[in-house]
Amino acid sequence: MPSFERVDRISEEIRREVDKIIREEVRDPRIAGTYSIVRAEATRDLRYCKVRVSILESDLRAPMMEALKKASGFIRRELSHRMQLRYTPELIFELDTNIEYAAHINELLKQTEVSHEDSGN
């Protein structure tokens, strides 16, 4: 089995290549707006790879995730041509909401600061 360090390197390479493939090769109008491939996490046996996608516009999330799942076979095939792996992992696209969550927490902190200042302290 590959070491964790090797799996991490392969995961990062998969992230970069998947991003290139989506931006340059996938021609689906549902893949639009501001998005980023945040992280790829390959399993230790390299059979599966979770690809975390952050999409800023909430109304584009569902159609874009559907388009990515539909294009996963094409993306995997292109990935196999670009990377020298014995087995190209199956890609599992997941929505990453960490940016949205961080913005929500930031807004709550601002509200707390404002209410604290209003109380006279």
PDB file of N, CA and C in Angstrom:
ATOM      1  N   MET A   1       0.837  -1.195   0.000  1.00  0.00           N
ATOM      2  CA  MET A   1       0.000   0.000   0.000  1.00  0.00           C
ATOM      3  C   MET A   1       0.873   1.246   0.000  1.00  0.00           C
ATOM      4  N   PRO A   2       0.405   2.273  -0.695  1.00  0.00           N
ATOM      5  CA  PRO A   2       1.181   3.516  -0.723  1.00  0.00           C
ATOM      6  C   PRO A   2       1.218   4.183   0.652  1.00  0.00           C
ATOM      7  N   SER A   3       2.279   4.914   0.899  1.00  0.00           N
ATOM      8  CA  SER A   3       2.375   5.637   2.166  1.00  0.00           C
ATOM      9  C   SER A   3       1.416   6.820   2.157  1.00  0.00           C
ATOM     10  N   PHE A   4       1.135   7.332   3.361  1.00  0.00           N
ATOM     11  CA  PHE A   4       0.234   8.487   3.471  1.00  0.00           C
ATOM     12  C   PHE A   4       0.803   9.687   2.727  1.00  0.00           C
ATOM     13  N   GLU A   5       2.130   9.861   2.799  1.00  0.00           N
ATOM     14  CA  GLU A   5       2.762  10.990   2.117  1.00  0.00           C
ATOM     15  C   GLU A   5       2.538  10.897   0.601  1.00  0.00           C
ATOM     16  N   ARG A   6       2.692   9.716   0.051  1.00  0.00           N
ATOM     17  CA  ARG A   6       2.476   9.519  -1.385  1.00  0.00           C
ATOM     18  C   ARG A   6       1.017   9.762  -1.747  1.00  0.00           C
ATOM     19  N   VAL A   7       0.102   9.277  -0.930  1.00  0.00           N
ATOM     20  CA  VAL A   7      -1.326   9.481  -1.182  1.00  0.00           C
ATOM     21  C   VAL A   7      -1.659  10.973  -1.145  1.00  0.00           C
ATOM     22  N   ASP A   8      -1.059  11.705  -0.216  1.00  0.00           N
ATOM     23  CA  ASP A   8      -1.277  13.156  -0.147  1.00  0.00           C
ATOM     24  C   ASP A   8      -0.769  13.854  -1.401  1.00  0.00           C
ATOM     25  N   ARG A   9       0.405  13.447  -1.886  1.00  0.00           N
ATOM     26  CA  ARG A   9       0.953  14.038  -3.120  1.00  0.00           C
ATOM     27  C   ARG A   9       0.053  13.725  -4.313  1.00  0.00           C
ATOM     28  N   ILE A  10      -0.396  12.501  -4.407  1.00  0.00           N
ATOM     29  CA  ILE A  10      -1.277  12.106  -5.503  1.00  0.00           C
ATOM     30  C   ILE A  10      -2.601  12.851  -5.408  1.00  0.00           C
ATOM     31  N   SER A  11      -3.131  13.009  -4.208  1.00  0.00           N
ATOM     32  CA  SER A  11      -4.388  13.735  -4.016  1.00  0.00           C
ATOM     33  C   SER A  11      -4.262  15.175  -4.501  1.00  0.00           C
ATOM     34  N   GLU A  12      -3.158  15.816  -4.176  1.00  0.00           N
ATOM     35  CA  GLU A  12      -2.944  17.204  -4.612  1.00  0.00           C
ATOM     36  C   GLU A  12      -2.809  17.282  -6.129  1.00  0.00           C
ATOM     37  N   GLU A  13      -2.129  16.323  -6.719  1.00  0.00           N
ATOM     38  CA  GLU A  13      -2.004  16.299  -8.182  1.00  0.00           C
ATOM     39  C   GLU A  13      -3.370  16.063  -8.834  1.00  0.00           C
ATOM     40  N   ILE A  14      -4.165  15.200  -8.245  1.00  0.00           N
ATOM     41  CA  ILE A  14      -5.520  14.968  -8.753  1.00  0.00           C
ATOM     42  C   ILE A  14      -6.321  16.259  -8.675  1.00  0.00           C
ATOM     43  N   ARG A  15      -6.215  16.984  -7.561  1.00  0.00           N
ATOM     44  CA  ARG A  15      -6.943  18.245  -7.416  1.00  0.00           C
ATOM     45  C   ARG A  15      -6.580  19.217  -8.526  1.00  0.00           C
ATOM     46  N   ARG A  16      -5.285  19.376  -8.783  1.00  0.00           N
ATOM     47  CA  ARG A  16      -4.847  20.307  -9.831  1.00  0.00           C
ATOM     48  C   ARG A  16      -5.331  19.869 -11.210  1.00  0.00           C
ATOM     49  N   GLU A  17      -5.204  18.588 -11.507  1.00  0.00           N
ATOM     50  CA  GLU A  17      -5.594  18.096 -12.833  1.00  0.00           C
ATOM     51  C   GLU A  17      -7.112  18.151 -13.032  1.00  0.00           C
ATOM     52  N   VAL A  18      -7.875  17.800 -12.004  1.00  0.00           N
ATOM     53  CA  VAL A  18      -9.336  17.872 -12.109  1.00  0.00           C
ATOM     54  C   VAL A  18      -9.769  19.312 -12.352  1.00  0.00           C
ATOM     55  N   ASP A  19      -9.140  20.243 -11.657  1.00  0.00           N
ATOM     56  CA  ASP A  19      -9.457  21.658 -11.862  1.00  0.00           C
ATOM     57  C   ASP A  19      -9.186  22.070 -13.309  1.00  0.00           C
ATOM     58  N   LYS A  20      -8.022  21.686 -13.850  1.00  0.00           N
ATOM     59  CA  LYS A  20      -7.692  21.999 -15.248  1.00  0.00           C
ATOM     60  C   LYS A  20      -8.697  21.377 -16.209  1.00  0.00           C
ATOM     61  N   ILE A  21      -9.028  20.125 -15.979  1.00  0.00           N
ATOM     62  CA  ILE A  21      -9.955  19.421 -16.874  1.00  0.00           C
ATOM     63  C   ILE A  21     -11.313  20.103 -16.873  1.00  0.00           C
ATOM     64  N   ILE A  22     -11.812  20.447 -15.700  1.00  0.00           N
ATOM     65  CA  ILE A  22     -13.126  21.095 -15.616  1.00  0.00           C
ATOM     66  C   ILE A  22     -13.091  22.441 -16.333  1.00  0.00           C
ATOM     67  N   ARG A  23     -12.064  23.225 -16.090  1.00  0.00           N
ATOM     68  CA  ARG A  23     -11.989  24.567 -16.690  1.00  0.00           C
ATOM     69  C   ARG A  23     -11.728  24.536 -18.189  1.00  0.00           C
ATOM     70  N   GLU A  24     -10.961  23.555 -18.671  1.00  0.00           N
ATOM     71  CA  GLU A  24     -10.548  23.562 -20.071  1.00  0.00           C
ATOM     72  C   GLU A  24     -11.303  22.578 -20.967  1.00  0.00           C
ATOM     73  N   GLU A  25     -11.797  21.492 -20.420  1.00  0.00           N
ATOM     74  CA  GLU A  25     -12.350  20.423 -21.260  1.00  0.00           C
ATOM     75  C   GLU A  25     -13.857  20.212 -21.126  1.00  0.00           C
ATOM     76  N   VAL A  26     -14.394  20.397 -19.934  1.00  0.00           N
ATOM     77  CA  VAL A  26     -15.818  20.115 -19.711  1.00  0.00           C
ATOM     78  C   VAL A  26     -16.643  21.262 -20.278  1.00  0.00           C
ATOM     79  N   ARG A  27     -17.558  20.928 -21.157  1.00  0.00           N
ATOM     80  CA  ARG A  27     -18.389  21.940 -21.821  1.00  0.00           C
ATOM     81  C   ARG A  27     -19.851  21.765 -21.395  1.00  0.00           C
ATOM     82  N   ASP A  28     -20.120  22.065 -20.147  1.00  0.00           N
ATOM     83  CA  ASP A  28     -21.490  21.994 -19.635  1.00  0.00           C
ATOM     84  C   ASP A  28     -21.859  23.384 -19.136  1.00  0.00           C
ATOM     85  N   PRO A  29     -22.948  23.972 -19.662  1.00  0.00           N
ATOM     86  CA  PRO A  29     -23.308  25.334 -19.253  1.00  0.00           C
ATOM     87  C   PRO A  29     -23.668  25.457 -17.774  1.00  0.00           C
ATOM     88  N   ARG A  30     -23.955  24.347 -17.115  1.00  0.00           N
ATOM     89  CA  ARG A  30     -24.279  24.407 -15.687  1.00  0.00           C
ATOM     90  C   ARG A  30     -23.041  24.639 -14.827  1.00  0.00           C
ATOM     91  N   ILE A  31     -21.869  24.422 -15.411  1.00  0.00           N
ATOM     92  CA  ILE A  31     -20.626  24.678 -14.687  1.00  0.00           C
ATOM     93  C   ILE A  31     -20.232  26.116 -14.988  1.00  0.00           C
ATOM     94  N   ALA A  32     -20.665  26.991 -14.109  1.00  0.00           N
ATOM     95  CA  ALA A  32     -20.463  28.428 -14.307  1.00  0.00           C
ATOM     96  C   ALA A  32     -20.326  29.093 -12.949  1.00  0.00           C
ATOM     97  N   GLY A  33     -20.061  30.377 -12.973  1.00  0.00           N
ATOM     98  CA  GLY A  33     -19.964  31.121 -11.726  1.00  0.00           C
ATOM     99  C   GLY A  33     -18.610  30.944 -11.078  1.00  0.00           C
ATOM    100  N   THR A  34     -18.541  31.367  -9.834  1.00  0.00           N
ATOM    101  CA  THR A  34     -17.301  31.314  -9.084  1.00  0.00           C
ATOM    102  C   THR A  34     -17.265  30.034  -8.266  1.00  0.00           C
ATOM    103  N   TYR A  35     -16.295  29.199  -8.582  1.00  0.00           N
ATOM    104  CA  TYR A  35     -16.133  27.946  -7.851  1.00  0.00           C
ATOM    105  C   TYR A  35     -14.652  27.647  -7.727  1.00  0.00           C
ATOM    106  N   SER A  36     -14.359  26.722  -6.842  1.00  0.00           N
ATOM    107  CA  SER A  36     -12.972  26.299  -6.701  1.00  0.00           C
ATOM    108  C   SER A  36     -12.942  24.858  -6.219  1.00  0.00           C
ATOM    109  N   ILE A  37     -11.966  24.138  -6.705  1.00  0.00           N
ATOM    110  CA  ILE A  37     -11.733  22.777  -6.231  1.00  0.00           C
ATOM    111  C   ILE A  37     -10.853  22.932  -4.992  1.00  0.00           C
ATOM    112  N   VAL A  38     -11.459  22.754  -3.847  1.00  0.00           N
ATOM    113  CA  VAL A  38     -10.790  23.045  -2.585  1.00  0.00           C
ATOM    114  C   VAL A  38      -9.788  21.960  -2.208  1.00  0.00           C
ATOM    115  N   ARG A  39     -10.208  20.706  -2.361  1.00  0.00           N
ATOM    116  CA  ARG A  39      -9.365  19.622  -1.866  1.00  0.00           C
ATOM    117  C   ARG A  39      -9.759  18.327  -2.562  1.00  0.00           C
ATOM    118  N   ALA A  40      -8.806  17.454  -2.718  1.00  0.00           N
ATOM    119  CA  ALA A  40      -9.071  16.087  -3.177  1.00  0.00           C
ATOM    120  C   ALA A  40      -8.485  15.157  -2.124  1.00  0.00           C
ATOM    121  N   GLU A  41      -9.239  14.151  -1.762  1.00  0.00           N
ATOM    122  CA  GLU A  41      -8.805  13.219  -0.716  1.00  0.00           C
ATOM    123  C   GLU A  41      -8.925  11.799  -1.246  1.00  0.00           C
ATOM    124  N   ALA A  42      -7.816  11.245  -1.686  1.00  0.00           N
ATOM    125  CA  ALA A  42      -7.808   9.872  -2.191  1.00  0.00           C
ATOM    126  C   ALA A  42      -7.745   8.902  -1.015  1.00  0.00           C
ATOM    127  N   THR A  43      -8.398   7.768  -1.181  1.00  0.00           N
ATOM    128  CA  THR A  43      -8.280   6.718  -0.170  1.00  0.00           C
ATOM    129  C   THR A  43      -6.884   6.121  -0.258  1.00  0.00           C
ATOM    130  N   ARG A  44      -6.495   5.438   0.759  1.00  0.00           N
ATOM    131  CA  ARG A  44      -5.126   4.912   0.815  1.00  0.00           C
ATOM    132  C   ARG A  44      -4.862   3.909  -0.301  1.00  0.00           C
ATOM    133  N   ASP A  45      -5.893   3.167  -0.731  1.00  0.00           N
ATOM    134  CA  ASP A  45      -5.705   2.204  -1.822  1.00  0.00           C
ATOM    135  C   ASP A  45      -5.883   2.847  -3.205  1.00  0.00           C
ATOM    136  N   LEU A  46      -6.151   4.152  -3.234  1.00  0.00           N
ATOM    137  CA  LEU A  46      -6.309   4.941  -4.461  1.00  0.00           C
ATOM    138  C   LEU A  46      -7.477   4.476  -5.337  1.00  0.00           C
ATOM    139  N   ARG A  47      -8.471   3.847  -4.743  1.00  0.00           N
ATOM    140  CA  ARG A  47      -9.646   3.402  -5.501  1.00  0.00           C
ATOM    141  C   ARG A  47     -10.677   4.520  -5.635  1.00  0.00           C
ATOM    142  N   TYR A  48     -10.757   5.388  -4.639  1.00  0.00           N
ATOM    143  CA  TYR A  48     -11.741   6.465  -4.630  1.00  0.00           C
ATOM    144  C   TYR A  48     -11.051   7.769  -4.271  1.00  0.00           C
ATOM    145  N   CYS A  49     -11.643   8.868  -4.740  1.00  0.00           N
ATOM    146  CA  CYS A  49     -11.117  10.176  -4.390  1.00  0.00           C
ATOM    147  C   CYS A  49     -12.283  11.141  -4.235  1.00  0.00           C
ATOM    148  N   LYS A  50     -12.439  11.685  -3.024  1.00  0.00           N
ATOM    149  CA  LYS A  50     -13.450  12.711  -2.788  1.00  0.00           C
ATOM    150  C   LYS A  50     -12.887  14.039  -3.256  1.00  0.00           C
ATOM    151  N   VAL A  51     -13.635  14.724  -4.113  1.00  0.00           N
ATOM    152  CA  VAL A  51     -13.225  16.021  -4.630  1.00  0.00           C
ATOM    153  C   VAL A  51     -14.170  17.053  -4.043  1.00  0.00           C
ATOM    154  N   ARG A  52     -13.645  17.922  -3.186  1.00  0.00           N
ATOM    155  CA  ARG A  52     -14.452  18.939  -2.499  1.00  0.00           C
ATOM    156  C   ARG A  52     -14.492  20.200  -3.340  1.00  0.00           C
ATOM    157  N   VAL A  53     -15.716  20.670  -3.655  1.00  0.00           N
ATOM    158  CA  VAL A  53     -15.928  21.820  -4.518  1.00  0.00           C
ATOM    159  C   VAL A  53     -16.656  22.906  -3.731  1.00  0.00           C
ATOM    160  N   SER A  54     -16.120  24.131  -3.776  1.00  0.00           N
ATOM    161  CA  SER A  54     -16.758  25.276  -3.147  1.00  0.00           C
ATOM    162  C   SER A  54     -17.380  26.123  -4.249  1.00  0.00           C
ATOM    163  N   ILE A  55     -18.682  26.397  -4.122  1.00  0.00           N
ATOM    164  CA  ILE A  55     -19.419  27.187  -5.109  1.00  0.00           C
ATOM    165  C   ILE A  55     -20.040  28.357  -4.360  1.00  0.00           C
ATOM    166  N   LEU A  56     -19.671  29.576  -4.758  1.00  0.00           N
ATOM    167  CA  LEU A  56     -20.106  30.750  -4.009  1.00  0.00           C
ATOM    168  C   LEU A  56     -21.586  31.072  -4.204  1.00  0.00           C
ATOM    169  N   GLU A  57     -22.088  31.012  -5.426  1.00  0.00           N
ATOM    170  CA  GLU A  57     -23.488  31.363  -5.681  1.00  0.00           C
ATOM    171  C   GLU A  57     -24.392  30.194  -5.295  1.00  0.00           C
ATOM    172  N   SER A  58     -25.225  30.391  -4.296  1.00  0.00           N
ATOM    173  CA  SER A  58     -26.043  29.299  -3.774  1.00  0.00           C
ATOM    174  C   SER A  58     -27.027  28.750  -4.801  1.00  0.00           C
ATOM    175  N   ASP A  59     -27.527  29.590  -5.719  1.00  0.00           N
ATOM    176  CA  ASP A  59     -28.484  29.109  -6.712  1.00  0.00           C
ATOM    177  C   ASP A  59     -27.832  28.246  -7.791  1.00  0.00           C
ATOM    178  N   LEU A  60     -26.500  28.264  -7.899  1.00  0.00           N
ATOM    179  CA  LEU A  60     -25.791  27.465  -8.896  1.00  0.00           C
ATOM    180  C   LEU A  60     -25.284  26.138  -8.333  1.00  0.00           C
ATOM    181  N   ARG A  61     -25.381  25.960  -7.031  1.00  0.00           N
ATOM    182  CA  ARG A  61     -24.794  24.771  -6.396  1.00  0.00           C
ATOM    183  C   ARG A  61     -25.383  23.460  -6.891  1.00  0.00           C
ATOM    184  N   ALA A  62     -26.696  23.318  -6.812  1.00  0.00           N
ATOM    185  CA  ALA A  62     -27.316  22.048  -7.188  1.00  0.00           C
ATOM    186  C   ALA A  62     -27.074  21.699  -8.659  1.00  0.00           C
ATOM    187  N   PRO A  63     -27.327  22.633  -9.609  1.00  0.00           N
ATOM    188  CA  PRO A  63     -27.087  22.261 -10.999  1.00  0.00           C
ATOM    189  C   PRO A  63     -25.610  21.975 -11.303  1.00  0.00           C
ATOM    190  N   MET A  64     -24.710  22.703 -10.656  1.00  0.00           N
ATOM    191  CA  MET A  64     -23.295  22.477 -10.925  1.00  0.00           C
ATOM    192  C   MET A  64     -22.832  21.136 -10.361  1.00  0.00           C
ATOM    193  N   MET A  65     -23.285  20.795  -9.173  1.00  0.00           N
ATOM    194  CA  MET A  65     -22.914  19.500  -8.598  1.00  0.00           C
ATOM    195  C   MET A  65     -23.468  18.358  -9.457  1.00  0.00           C
ATOM    196  N   GLU A  66     -24.679  18.539  -9.973  1.00  0.00           N
ATOM    197  CA  GLU A  66     -25.263  17.525 -10.868  1.00  0.00           C
ATOM    198  C   GLU A  66     -24.419  17.383 -12.134  1.00  0.00           C
ATOM    199  N   ALA A  67     -23.983  18.521 -12.705  1.00  0.00           N
ATOM    200  CA  ALA A  67     -23.163  18.497 -13.917  1.00  0.00           C
ATOM    201  C   ALA A  67     -21.819  17.819 -13.655  1.00  0.00           C
ATOM    202  N   LEU A  68     -21.219  18.090 -12.508  1.00  0.00           N
ATOM    203  CA  LEU A  68     -19.935  17.467 -12.179  1.00  0.00           C
ATOM    204  C   LEU A  68     -20.083  15.960 -12.007  1.00  0.00           C
ATOM    205  N   LYS A  69     -21.152  15.554 -11.358  1.00  0.00           N
ATOM    206  CA  LYS A  69     -21.375  14.114 -11.187  1.00  0.00           C
ATOM    207  C   LYS A  69     -21.606  13.441 -12.530  1.00  0.00           C
ATOM    208  N   LYS A  70     -22.319  14.125 -13.418  1.00  0.00           N
ATOM    209  CA  LYS A  70     -22.569  13.579 -14.751  1.00  0.00           C
ATOM    210  C   LYS A  70     -21.272  13.482 -15.552  1.00  0.00           C
ATOM    211  N   ALA A  71     -20.383  14.446 -15.385  1.00  0.00           N
ATOM    212  CA  ALA A  71     -19.129  14.489 -16.136  1.00  0.00           C
ATOM    213  C   ALA A  71     -18.011  13.690 -15.471  1.00  0.00           C
ATOM    214  N   SER A  72     -18.268  13.052 -14.338  1.00  0.00           N
ATOM    215  CA  SER A  72     -17.197  12.387 -13.586  1.00  0.00           C
ATOM    216  C   SER A  72     -16.506  11.295 -14.401  1.00  0.00           C
ATOM    217  N   GLY A  73     -17.236  10.575 -15.235  1.00  0.00           N
ATOM    218  CA  GLY A  73     -16.617   9.547 -16.072  1.00  0.00           C
ATOM    219  C   GLY A  73     -15.637  10.149 -17.069  1.00  0.00           C
ATOM    220  N   PHE A  74     -16.054  11.229 -17.717  1.00  0.00           N
ATOM    221  CA  PHE A  74     -15.180  11.933 -18.658  1.00  0.00           C
ATOM    222  C   PHE A  74     -13.949  12.479 -17.942  1.00  0.00           C
ATOM    223  N   ILE A  75     -14.163  13.099 -16.786  1.00  0.00           N
ATOM    224  CA  ILE A  75     -13.050  13.682 -16.022  1.00  0.00           C
ATOM    225  C   ILE A  75     -12.077  12.585 -15.598  1.00  0.00           C
ATOM    226  N   ARG A  76     -12.603  11.457 -15.176  1.00  0.00           N
ATOM    227  CA  ARG A  76     -11.760  10.337 -14.751  1.00  0.00           C
ATOM    228  C   ARG A  76     -10.940   9.804 -15.927  1.00  0.00           C
ATOM    229  N   ARG A  77     -11.570   9.694 -17.098  1.00  0.00           N
ATOM    230  CA  ARG A  77     -10.873   9.214 -18.280  1.00  0.00           C
ATOM    231  C   ARG A  77      -9.733  10.169 -18.669  1.00  0.00           C
ATOM    232  N   GLU A  78     -10.031  11.487 -18.648  1.00  0.00           N
ATOM    233  CA  GLU A  78      -8.992  12.475 -18.942  1.00  0.00           C
ATOM    234  C   GLU A  78      -7.877  12.421 -17.905  1.00  0.00           C
ATOM    235  N   LEU A  79      -8.247  12.226 -16.659  1.00  0.00           N
ATOM    236  CA  LEU A  79      -7.271  12.123 -15.577  1.00  0.00           C
ATOM    237  C   LEU A  79      -6.341  10.929 -15.811  1.00  0.00           C
ATOM    238  N   SER A  80      -6.894   9.821 -16.282  1.00  0.00           N
ATOM    239  CA  SER A  80      -6.072   8.630 -16.526  1.00  0.00           C
ATOM    240  C   SER A  80      -5.059   8.863 -17.639  1.00  0.00           C
ATOM    241  N   HIS A  81      -5.391   9.725 -18.615  1.00  0.00           N
ATOM    242  CA  HIS A  81      -4.444  10.048 -19.689  1.00  0.00           C
ATOM    243  C   HIS A  81      -3.332  10.969 -19.198  1.00  0.00           C
ATOM    244  N   ARG A  82      -3.642  11.813 -18.216  1.00  0.00           N
ATOM    245  CA  ARG A  82      -2.676  12.817 -17.753  1.00  0.00           C
ATOM    246  C   ARG A  82      -1.770  12.333 -16.629  1.00  0.00           C
ATOM    247  N   MET A  83      -2.244  11.378 -15.842  1.00  0.00           N
ATOM    248  CA  MET A  83      -1.468  10.902 -14.691  1.00  0.00           C
ATOM    249  C   MET A  83      -1.044   9.456 -14.926  1.00  0.00           C
ATOM    250  N   GLN A  84       0.124   9.134 -14.473  1.00  0.00           N
ATOM    251  CA  GLN A  84       0.659   7.785 -14.626  1.00  0.00           C
ATOM    252  C   GLN A  84       0.355   6.968 -13.371  1.00  0.00           C
ATOM    253  N   LEU A  85      -0.890   6.505 -13.268  1.00  0.00           N
ATOM    254  CA  LEU A  85      -1.299   5.687 -12.124  1.00  0.00           C
ATOM    255  C   LEU A  85      -1.722   4.315 -12.629  1.00  0.00           C
ATOM    256  N   ARG A  86      -1.470   3.317 -11.816  1.00  0.00           N
ATOM    257  CA  ARG A  86      -1.899   1.970 -12.179  1.00  0.00           C
ATOM    258  C   ARG A  86      -3.426   1.906 -12.250  1.00  0.00           C
ATOM    259  N   TYR A  87      -4.076   2.608 -11.333  1.00  0.00           N
ATOM    260  CA  TYR A  87      -5.537   2.622 -11.268  1.00  0.00           C
ATOM    261  C   TYR A  87      -5.976   4.056 -11.035  1.00  0.00           C
ATOM    262  N   THR A  88      -6.840   4.558 -11.901  1.00  0.00           N
ATOM    263  CA  THR A  88      -7.351   5.917 -11.720  1.00  0.00           C
ATOM    264  C   THR A  88      -8.539   5.850 -10.770  1.00  0.00           C
ATOM    265  N   PRO A  89      -8.521   6.620  -9.684  1.00  0.00           N
ATOM    266  CA  PRO A  89      -9.593   6.519  -8.688  1.00  0.00           C
ATOM    267  C   PRO A  89     -10.940   6.997  -9.223  1.00  0.00           C
ATOM    268  N   GLU A  90     -11.990   6.406  -8.674  1.00  0.00           N
ATOM    269  CA  GLU A  90     -13.344   6.876  -8.959  1.00  0.00           C
ATOM    270  C   GLU A  90     -13.525   8.209  -8.235  1.00  0.00           C
ATOM    271  N   LEU A  91     -14.043   9.207  -8.947  1.00  0.00           N
ATOM    272  CA  LEU A  91     -14.186  10.547  -8.381  1.00  0.00           C
ATOM    273  C   LEU A  91     -15.564  10.722  -7.759  1.00  0.00           C
ATOM    274  N   ILE A  92     -15.571  11.217  -6.540  1.00  0.00           N
ATOM    275  CA  ILE A  92     -16.812  11.488  -5.820  1.00  0.00           C
ATOM    276  C   ILE A  92     -16.817  12.979  -5.496  1.00  0.00           C
ATOM    277  N   PHE A  93     -17.694  13.730  -6.161  1.00  0.00           N
ATOM    278  CA  PHE A  93     -17.748  15.176  -5.955  1.00  0.00           C
ATOM    279  C   PHE A  93     -18.646  15.495  -4.774  1.00  0.00           C
ATOM    280  N   GLU A  94     -18.136  16.359  -3.879  1.00  0.00           N
ATOM    281  CA  GLU A  94     -18.880  16.789  -2.701  1.00  0.00           C
ATOM    282  C   GLU A  94     -18.827  18.302  -2.597  1.00  0.00           C
ATOM    283  N   LEU A  95     -19.927  18.886  -2.142  1.00  0.00           N
ATOM    284  CA  LEU A  95     -19.999  20.329  -1.950  1.00  0.00           C
ATOM    285  C   LEU A  95     -19.286  20.707  -0.657  1.00  0.00           C
ATOM    286  N   ASP A  96     -18.428  21.696  -0.726  1.00  0.00           N
ATOM    287  CA  ASP A  96     -17.716  22.198   0.444  1.00  0.00           C
ATOM    288  C   ASP A  96     -18.357  23.514   0.855  1.00  0.00           C
ATOM    289  N   THR A  97     -18.895  23.568   2.059  1.00  0.00           N
ATOM    290  CA  THR A  97     -19.586  24.771   2.531  1.00  0.00           C
ATOM    291  C   THR A  97     -18.797  25.500   3.615  1.00  0.00           C
ATOM    292  N   ASN A  98     -17.507  25.221   3.738  1.00  0.00           N
ATOM    293  CA  ASN A  98     -16.696  25.840   4.785  1.00  0.00           C
ATOM    294  C   ASN A  98     -16.619  27.353   4.653  1.00  0.00           C
ATOM    295  N   ILE A  99     -16.538  27.876   3.425  1.00  0.00           N
ATOM    296  CA  ILE A  99     -16.464  29.332   3.238  1.00  0.00           C
ATOM    297  C   ILE A  99     -17.760  29.979   3.701  1.00  0.00           C
ATOM    298  N   GLU A 100     -18.878  29.394   3.333  1.00  0.00           N
ATOM    299  CA  GLU A 100     -20.182  29.917   3.750  1.00  0.00           C
ATOM    300  C   GLU A 100     -20.321  29.859   5.271  1.00  0.00           C
ATOM    301  N   TYR A 101     -19.880  28.766   5.865  1.00  0.00           N
ATOM    302  CA  TYR A 101     -19.952  28.614   7.313  1.00  0.00           C
ATOM    303  C   TYR A 101     -19.074  29.656   8.015  1.00  0.00           C
ATOM    304  N   ALA A 102     -17.867  29.879   7.492  1.00  0.00           N
ATOM    305  CA  ALA A 102     -16.962  30.873   8.081  1.00  0.00           C
ATOM    306  C   ALA A 102     -17.558  32.279   7.977  1.00  0.00           C
ATOM    307  N   ALA A 103     -18.206  32.591   6.848  1.00  0.00           N
ATOM    308  CA  ALA A 103     -18.839  33.905   6.684  1.00  0.00           C
ATOM    309  C   ALA A 103     -19.973  34.071   7.694  1.00  0.00           C
ATOM    310  N   HIS A 104     -20.734  32.995   7.932  1.00  0.00           N
ATOM    311  CA  HIS A 104     -21.825  33.031   8.901  1.00  0.00           C
ATOM    312  C   HIS A 104     -21.281  33.285  10.316  1.00  0.00           C
ATOM    313  N   ILE A 105     -20.221  32.583  10.674  1.00  0.00           N
ATOM    314  CA  ILE A 105     -19.605  32.765  11.997  1.00  0.00           C
ATOM    315  C   ILE A 105     -19.075  34.190  12.138  1.00  0.00           C
ATOM    316  N   ASN A 106     -18.454  34.709  11.087  1.00  0.00           N
ATOM    317  CA  ASN A 106     -17.936  36.069  11.098  1.00  0.00           C
ATOM    318  C   ASN A 106     -19.065  37.074  11.321  1.00  0.00           C
ATOM    319  N   GLU A 107     -20.197  36.866  10.663  1.00  0.00           N
ATOM    320  CA  GLU A 107     -21.356  37.752  10.830  1.00  0.00           C
ATOM    321  C   GLU A 107     -21.891  37.683  12.261  1.00  0.00           C
ATOM    322  N   LEU A 108     -21.933  36.491  12.832  1.00  0.00           N
ATOM    323  CA  LEU A 108     -22.374  36.348  14.224  1.00  0.00           C
ATOM    324  C   LEU A 108     -21.431  37.077  15.178  1.00  0.00           C
ATOM    325  N   LEU A 109     -20.126  36.986  14.916  1.00  0.00           N
ATOM    326  CA  LEU A 109     -19.154  37.684  15.761  1.00  0.00           C
ATOM    327  C   LEU A 109     -19.321  39.198  15.657  1.00  0.00           C
ATOM    328  N   LYS A 110     -19.570  39.694  14.457  1.00  0.00           N
ATOM    329  CA  LYS A 110     -19.801  41.138  14.279  1.00  0.00           C
ATOM    330  C   LYS A 110     -21.037  41.583  15.048  1.00  0.00           C
ATOM    331  N   GLN A 111     -22.105  40.778  14.990  1.00  0.00           N
ATOM    332  CA  GLN A 111     -23.335  41.116  15.715  1.00  0.00           C
ATOM    333  C   GLN A 111     -23.082  41.121  17.215  1.00  0.00           C
ATOM    334  N   THR A 112     -22.274  40.191  17.689  1.00  0.00           N
ATOM    335  CA  THR A 112     -21.946  40.121  19.104  1.00  0.00           C
ATOM    336  C   THR A 112     -21.149  41.352  19.525  1.00  0.00           C
ATOM    337  N   GLU A 113     -20.199  41.795  18.683  1.00  0.00           N
ATOM    338  CA  GLU A 113     -19.410  42.985  18.985  1.00  0.00           C
ATOM    339  C   GLU A 113     -20.297  44.222  19.044  1.00  0.00           C
ATOM    340  N   VAL A 114     -21.246  44.339  18.100  1.00  0.00           N
ATOM    341  CA  VAL A 114     -22.144  45.488  18.061  1.00  0.00           C
ATOM    342  C   VAL A 114     -23.023  45.506  19.293  1.00  0.00           C
ATOM    343  N   SER A 115     -23.591  44.365  19.678  1.00  0.00           N
ATOM    344  CA  SER A 115     -24.476  44.324  20.852  1.00  0.00           C
ATOM    345  C   SER A 115     -23.668  44.574  22.130  1.00  0.00           C
ATOM    346  N   HIS A 116     -22.416  44.150  22.152  1.00  0.00           N
ATOM    347  CA  HIS A 116     -21.552  44.384  23.315  1.00  0.00           C
ATOM    348  C   HIS A 116     -21.233  45.883  23.449  1.00  0.00           C
ATOM    349  N   GLU A 117     -20.981  46.562  22.310  1.00  0.00           N
ATOM    350  CA  GLU A 117     -20.724  48.008  22.334  1.00  0.00           C
ATOM    351  C   GLU A 117     -21.981  48.786  22.732  1.00  0.00           C
ATOM    352  N   ASP A 118     -23.146  48.330  22.288  1.00  0.00           N
ATOM    353  CA  ASP A 118     -24.407  48.995  22.614  1.00  0.00           C
ATOM    354  C   ASP A 118     -24.758  48.894  24.098  1.00  0.00           C
ATOM    355  N   SER A 119     -24.258  47.864  24.761  1.00  0.00           N
ATOM    356  CA  SER A 119     -24.575  47.668  26.178  1.00  0.00           C
ATOM    357  C   SER A 119     -23.749  48.581  27.069  1.00  0.00           C
ATOM    358  N   GLY A 120     -22.823  49.331  26.474  1.00  0.00           N
ATOM    359  CA  GLY A 120     -22.072  50.309  27.252  1.00  0.00           C
ATOM    360  C   GLY A 120     -20.736  49.817  27.730  1.00  0.00           C
ATOM    361  N   ASN A 121     -20.319  48.687  27.372  1.00  0.00           N
ATOM    362  CA  ASN A 121     -18.986  48.164  27.790  1.00  0.00           C
ATOM    363  C   ASN A 121     -17.967  48.383  26.741  1.00  0.00           C
TER     364      ASN A 121
END
